[in-house]
């Protein structure tokens, strides 16, 4: 049985600002629109199959496995603090999402069962990795194999990589 939790986010972008204020605020900060080009109209956590499903206002639908989201977290823990500092994520096959919080009007912040909760996933980032899922996943599996590591959480081969990841950037993850 697949248990699904639905999350609904409402985006009252223009309701809280005086007419024209959102344009002035946007232009003062960035040349990018304050409102993401595409936002989800429905978000479902499928806990049984461990998949996050997003339906976007442009009709696009993505189904992203929890493990994939954890492995490709946009956090500094995963990506590093600069070029060449990305950490290979190992042993994440059984990871689940315990909570999912909205972050402003632009994304979500999941808390994973392994304690990871520092990745903020913008709608644009989710669309990017969702559209490129097959290539990203194949590349990840190749990197795991090259490192002699595994997706399995209790594989002893993962210990050296897990230890290195927890201390490589100078703070505890």
Protein backbone atom coordinates (compact mmCIF):
# COMPACT_ATOMS: atom_id res chain seq x y z
CA UNK A 1 0.00 0.00 0.00
CA UNK A 2 1.35 3.38 -0.98
CA UNK A 3 0.67 6.12 1.53
CA UNK A 4 0.80 9.58 0.04
CA UNK A 5 0.93 12.90 1.82
CA UNK A 6 -0.21 15.92 -0.13
CA UNK A 7 1.27 19.34 0.36
CA UNK A 8 -0.46 22.41 -1.02
CA UNK A 9 1.25 25.76 -1.25
CA UNK A 10 -0.60 28.95 -2.03
CA UNK A 11 1.26 31.75 -3.79
CA UNK A 12 -0.38 35.12 -3.16
CA UNK A 13 2.40 37.00 -4.91
CA UNK A 14 0.55 40.22 -5.60
CA UNK A 15 -1.88 40.16 -2.68
CA UNK A 16 0.52 41.52 -0.04
CA UNK A 17 2.19 44.34 -1.96
CA UNK A 18 0.81 47.66 -3.19
CA UNK A 19 0.31 47.83 -6.93
CA UNK A 20 3.68 48.05 -8.68
CA UNK A 21 5.68 47.39 -5.50
CA UNK A 22 6.68 43.88 -6.53
CA UNK A 23 8.23 45.25 -9.71
CA UNK A 24 10.22 47.93 -7.84
CA UNK A 25 11.43 45.41 -5.25
CA UNK A 26 12.39 42.92 -7.93
CA UNK A 27 14.24 45.48 -10.03
CA UNK A 28 16.14 46.79 -7.01
CA UNK A 29 17.49 43.33 -6.12
CA UNK A 30 17.91 41.41 -9.35
CA UNK A 31 17.07 41.34 -13.00
CA UNK A 32 15.41 37.93 -12.52
CA UNK A 33 11.67 37.83 -11.85
CA UNK A 34 10.71 37.71 -8.17
CA UNK A 35 8.24 34.95 -9.00
CA UNK A 36 9.63 31.68 -10.39
CA UNK A 37 8.65 31.09 -14.00
CA UNK A 38 7.09 27.76 -13.07
CA UNK A 39 5.61 26.82 -9.71
CA UNK A 40 4.06 23.57 -8.50
CA UNK A 41 0.31 23.33 -8.21
CA UNK A 42 0.49 20.01 -6.36
CA UNK A 43 3.19 18.27 -4.32
CA UNK A 44 2.79 14.67 -3.16
CA UNK A 45 5.12 12.62 -0.97
CA UNK A 46 4.61 8.96 -1.87
CA UNK A 47 6.04 7.38 1.28
CA UNK A 48 5.59 3.77 0.17
CA UNK A 49 7.45 4.16 -3.12
CA UNK A 50 9.69 6.92 -1.69
CA UNK A 51 8.97 9.36 -4.50
CA UNK A 52 8.27 13.09 -4.48
CA UNK A 53 5.79 14.02 -7.18
CA UNK A 54 5.44 17.60 -8.37
CA UNK A 55 2.80 18.90 -10.76
CA UNK A 56 3.70 22.32 -12.19
CA UNK A 57 1.50 25.10 -13.49
CA UNK A 58 2.86 24.58 -17.02
CA UNK A 59 1.55 20.97 -17.03
CA UNK A 60 4.94 19.37 -16.39
CA UNK A 61 5.01 16.55 -13.85
CA UNK A 62 8.11 15.18 -12.14
CA UNK A 63 8.55 12.05 -10.04
CA UNK A 64 11.81 12.21 -8.10
CA UNK A 65 12.95 9.34 -5.86
CA UNK A 66 13.93 10.36 -2.32
CA UNK A 67 17.38 8.80 -2.77
CA UNK A 68 17.96 10.82 -5.94
CA UNK A 69 16.96 14.04 -4.14
CA UNK A 70 19.27 13.24 -1.23
CA UNK A 71 22.22 12.39 -3.49
CA UNK A 72 21.74 15.59 -5.51
CA UNK A 73 21.03 17.91 -2.59
CA UNK A 74 21.93 21.51 -3.38
CA UNK A 75 23.51 21.86 0.08
CA UNK A 76 27.15 22.67 0.76
CA UNK A 77 27.47 19.24 2.39
CA UNK A 78 26.90 17.60 -0.97
CA UNK A 79 28.09 20.22 -3.46
CA UNK A 80 30.94 21.58 -1.36
CA UNK A 81 31.81 25.20 -0.80
CA UNK A 82 33.55 25.63 -4.15
CA UNK A 83 34.58 23.89 -7.36
CA UNK A 84 35.92 20.37 -6.91
CA UNK A 85 34.60 20.00 -3.36
CA UNK A 86 31.50 17.90 -4.07
CA UNK A 87 31.16 14.84 -1.83
CA UNK A 88 30.04 11.50 -3.21
CA UNK A 89 26.95 10.46 -1.26
CA UNK A 90 26.99 6.78 -0.33
CA UNK A 91 24.54 4.44 1.39
CA UNK A 92 21.41 6.48 0.66
CA UNK A 93 19.24 3.74 -0.89
CA UNK A 94 16.78 3.53 2.04
CA UNK A 95 16.58 7.25 2.83
CA UNK A 96 13.13 8.75 3.33
CA UNK A 97 11.77 12.26 3.65
CA UNK A 98 10.44 12.89 7.15
CA UNK A 99 9.22 16.45 6.65
CA UNK A 100 8.86 18.88 3.80
CA UNK A 101 8.71 22.62 4.46
CA UNK A 102 8.02 25.46 2.05
CA UNK A 103 10.82 28.02 1.67
CA UNK A 104 9.37 31.36 0.69
CA UNK A 105 7.67 31.19 -2.68
CA UNK A 106 10.56 29.54 -4.46
CA UNK A 107 11.19 26.06 -3.09
CA UNK A 108 11.11 23.38 -0.42
CA UNK A 109 13.38 22.11 2.33
CA UNK A 110 13.11 18.38 3.06
CA UNK A 111 14.37 16.71 6.22
CA UNK A 112 15.71 13.28 5.31
CA UNK A 113 15.75 10.23 7.58
CA UNK A 114 19.57 10.38 7.77
CA UNK A 115 19.29 13.80 9.43
CA UNK A 116 20.21 15.86 6.35
CA UNK A 117 18.12 19.03 6.32
CA UNK A 118 20.28 21.80 4.89
CA UNK A 119 19.33 21.57 1.20
CA UNK A 120 16.92 24.15 -0.16
CA UNK A 121 15.48 22.89 -3.43
CA UNK A 122 14.22 25.74 -5.61
CA UNK A 123 11.52 24.99 -8.17
CA UNK A 124 14.04 25.75 -10.92
CA UNK A 125 16.58 23.33 -9.43
CA UNK A 126 13.97 20.57 -9.11
CA UNK A 127 12.95 21.05 -12.73
CA UNK A 128 16.59 21.03 -13.84
CA UNK A 129 17.51 17.79 -12.07
CA UNK A 130 14.16 16.21 -12.88
CA UNK A 131 14.56 16.79 -16.59
CA UNK A 132 18.13 15.48 -16.45
CA UNK A 133 17.36 12.58 -14.07
CA UNK A 134 18.51 9.70 -16.28
CA UNK A 135 21.91 11.22 -17.13
CA UNK A 136 22.56 12.40 -13.56
CA UNK A 137 21.63 9.03 -12.08
CA UNK A 138 23.79 7.07 -14.56
CA UNK A 139 26.73 9.37 -13.79
CA UNK A 140 26.19 8.93 -10.04
CA UNK A 141 26.17 5.12 -10.38
CA UNK A 142 29.42 5.26 -12.37
CA UNK A 143 31.07 7.45 -9.71
CA UNK A 144 29.90 5.03 -6.98
CA UNK A 145 31.34 2.06 -8.86
CA UNK A 146 34.63 3.87 -9.51
CA UNK A 147 34.93 4.62 -5.78
CA UNK A 148 34.13 1.01 -4.84
CA UNK A 149 31.14 2.29 -2.88
CA UNK A 150 27.51 1.31 -2.64
CA UNK A 151 24.00 2.68 -2.36
CA UNK A 152 23.39 0.30 0.55
CA UNK A 153 23.51 2.02 3.95
CA UNK A 154 25.27 -0.78 5.84
CA UNK A 155 27.93 -1.64 3.24
CA UNK A 156 31.38 -1.58 4.96
CA UNK A 157 32.91 -0.31 1.71
CA UNK A 158 31.16 3.02 2.33
CA UNK A 159 32.85 3.72 5.68
CA UNK A 160 35.96 5.52 4.37
CA UNK A 161 33.88 7.75 2.08
CA UNK A 162 31.31 8.50 4.78
CA UNK A 163 34.06 9.45 7.25
CA UNK A 164 35.77 11.69 4.70
CA UNK A 165 32.50 13.45 3.83
CA UNK A 166 31.72 14.23 7.46
CA UNK A 167 34.98 16.07 8.04
CA UNK A 168 36.04 17.44 4.67
CA UNK A 169 34.71 20.97 4.94
CA UNK A 170 35.44 21.67 8.56
CA UNK A 171 32.02 21.40 10.09
CA UNK A 172 29.74 18.62 11.22
CA UNK A 173 26.97 17.48 8.87
